[in-house]
Amino acid sequence: MADKPIWEQIGSGFVQHYYQTFDGNRSGLASLYIDSSCLSWEGQQFQGKIAIVEKITGLPFTKIQHSVTAQDHQPTPDNCILSMVVGQLQADEDPVMGFHQIFLLKSINDAWVCTNDIFRLSLHNFS
């Protein structure tokens, strides 16, 4: 079996590191963003490393556990990596919920950072 393409290796490694850090020490995510990074969190917009980390660390739960169900990664024409993640999470004692997250990764100074991040819970209202 052939090795995975480099963009899949980088994307998978980023996703694993991101959720391990999110679940264990949310403030540690600061190293994954830059000052021009953008986050869309459930429709709210945040720009810049400080605003993004403030949003993530200010979320109203004590503990969280992410479980990645599927992930896809693609190279972009400008040498970035587009990653889509589907999974489940449980915050504190709340019910398990599905989520989707998309990352755009860029190599800056030999480190992969997230320039764009879009997060949505998989909640549906069919009424």
Protein backbone atom coordinates (compact mmCIF):
# COMPACT_ATOMS: atom_id res chain seq x y z
CA MET A 1 0.00 0.00 0.00
CA ALA A 2 1.42 3.37 -0.99
CA ASP A 3 2.08 6.06 1.57
CA LYS A 4 -0.51 8.79 1.95
CA PRO A 5 0.19 12.00 0.04
CA ILE A 6 2.07 14.60 2.08
CA TRP A 7 -0.98 16.88 2.37
CA GLU A 8 -2.94 14.05 4.00
CA GLN A 9 -0.11 13.36 6.42
CA ILE A 10 0.16 17.03 7.37
CA GLY A 11 -3.62 17.49 7.59
CA SER A 12 -4.12 14.37 9.71
CA GLY A 13 -1.26 15.34 12.00
CA PHE A 14 -2.69 18.84 12.43
CA VAL A 15 -6.18 17.50 13.19
CA GLN A 16 -4.86 15.06 15.79
CA HIS A 17 -2.75 17.76 17.46
CA TYR A 18 -5.59 20.33 17.35
CA TYR A 19 -8.15 18.17 19.14
CA GLN A 20 -5.66 16.77 21.67
CA THR A 21 -4.72 20.35 22.54
CA PHE A 22 -8.34 21.55 22.54
CA ASP A 23 -9.39 18.74 24.87
CA GLY A 24 -6.43 19.11 27.22
CA ASN A 25 -5.37 22.79 27.22
CA ARG A 26 -7.43 25.13 25.04
CA SER A 27 -5.06 28.06 25.58
CA GLY A 28 -2.34 25.96 23.91
CA LEU A 29 -4.16 26.45 20.59
CA ALA A 30 -2.64 29.96 20.33
CA SER A 31 0.43 28.53 18.61
CA LEU A 32 -1.74 27.18 15.78
CA TYR A 33 -3.14 30.58 14.72
CA ILE A 34 -1.60 33.81 13.43
CA ASP A 35 -2.68 37.44 13.78
CA SER A 36 -4.52 37.35 10.44
CA SER A 37 -6.35 34.05 11.13
CA CYS A 38 -10.16 34.00 10.95
CA LEU A 39 -12.62 31.84 12.89
CA SER A 40 -16.32 31.37 12.20
CA TRP A 41 -17.84 29.72 15.27
CA GLU A 42 -21.53 28.90 14.93
CA GLY A 43 -21.91 31.97 12.69
CA GLN A 44 -19.92 34.35 14.91
CA GLN A 45 -16.82 35.88 13.32
CA PHE A 46 -13.46 36.34 15.06
CA GLN A 47 -10.23 37.62 13.55
CA GLY A 48 -6.74 37.37 14.97
CA LYS A 49 -5.00 34.93 17.27
CA ILE A 50 -6.01 36.79 20.45
CA ALA A 51 -9.73 37.00 19.58
CA ILE A 52 -9.82 33.36 18.48
CA VAL A 53 -8.14 32.03 21.61
CA GLU A 54 -10.35 34.24 23.81
CA LYS A 55 -13.43 32.72 22.15
CA ILE A 56 -12.21 29.14 22.48
CA THR A 57 -10.98 29.47 26.06
CA GLY A 58 -14.16 31.32 27.04
CA LEU A 59 -16.50 28.54 25.96
CA PRO A 60 -18.82 27.61 28.88
CA PHE A 61 -17.66 24.12 29.78
CA THR A 62 -15.02 22.61 32.04
CA LYS A 63 -14.11 19.51 30.05
CA ILE A 64 -14.58 18.38 26.48
CA GLN A 65 -13.82 15.28 24.46
CA HIS A 66 -13.69 15.25 20.65
CA SER A 67 -13.94 12.09 18.58
CA VAL A 68 -13.06 12.44 14.90
CA THR A 69 -15.27 10.26 12.69
CA ALA A 70 -13.89 11.28 9.29
CA GLN A 71 -11.46 13.75 7.81
CA ASP A 72 -10.58 14.81 4.30
CA HIS A 73 -7.60 16.85 3.13
CA GLN A 74 -6.82 18.52 -0.20
CA PRO A 75 -3.89 20.55 -1.46
CA THR A 76 -4.77 24.01 -2.76
CA PRO A 77 -3.19 25.74 -5.77
CA ASP A 78 -1.38 28.17 -3.43
CA ASN A 79 0.35 25.38 -1.45
CA CYS A 80 -2.08 25.37 1.45
CA ILE A 81 -4.06 22.41 2.79
CA LEU A 82 -7.83 22.38 3.12
CA SER A 83 -9.07 20.00 5.83
CA MET A 84 -12.63 19.01 6.68
CA VAL A 85 -13.42 17.16 9.89
CA VAL A 86 -16.63 15.40 10.92
CA GLY A 87 -16.97 14.08 14.44
CA GLN A 88 -18.69 14.05 17.77
CA LEU A 89 -17.99 15.93 20.97
CA GLN A 90 -19.14 15.82 24.55
CA ALA A 91 -18.84 18.87 26.79
CA ASP A 92 -19.09 18.25 30.53
CA GLU A 93 -22.07 15.93 31.05
CA ASP A 94 -24.06 17.20 28.04
CA PRO A 95 -25.34 14.74 25.44
CA VAL A 96 -22.93 13.80 22.65
CA MET A 97 -23.31 16.14 19.66
CA GLY A 98 -22.04 15.98 16.09
CA PHE A 99 -19.83 18.68 14.64
CA HIS A 100 -18.17 19.78 11.39
CA GLN A 101 -14.98 21.80 11.21
CA ILE A 102 -12.95 23.10 8.28
CA PHE A 103 -9.35 24.28 8.51
CA LEU A 104 -7.20 26.04 5.92
CA LEU A 105 -3.57 25.36 6.78
CA LYS A 106 -0.59 27.33 5.55
CA SER A 107 3.12 26.76 6.02
CA ILE A 108 4.75 29.84 7.53
CA ASN A 109 8.40 29.73 8.67
CA ASP A 110 8.43 25.92 8.42
CA ALA A 111 5.36 25.53 10.67
CA TRP A 112 1.79 24.75 9.64
CA VAL A 113 -0.72 27.23 11.03
CA CYS A 114 -4.46 27.64 10.66
CA THR A 115 -5.39 30.74 8.67
CA ASN A 116 -9.11 29.94 8.44
CA ASP A 117 -11.30 27.85 10.75
CA ILE A 118 -15.05 27.22 10.43
CA PHE A 119 -16.93 25.30 13.15
CA ARG A 120 -20.56 24.19 13.35
CA LEU A 121 -22.42 21.79 15.59
CA SER A 122 -24.50 19.32 13.60
CA LEU A 123 -27.83 20.40 15.03
CA HIS A 124 -30.97 20.19 12.96
CA ASN A 125 -34.37 21.68 13.62
CA PHE A 126 -36.93 19.90 11.46
CA SER A 127 -40.04 21.49 12.98
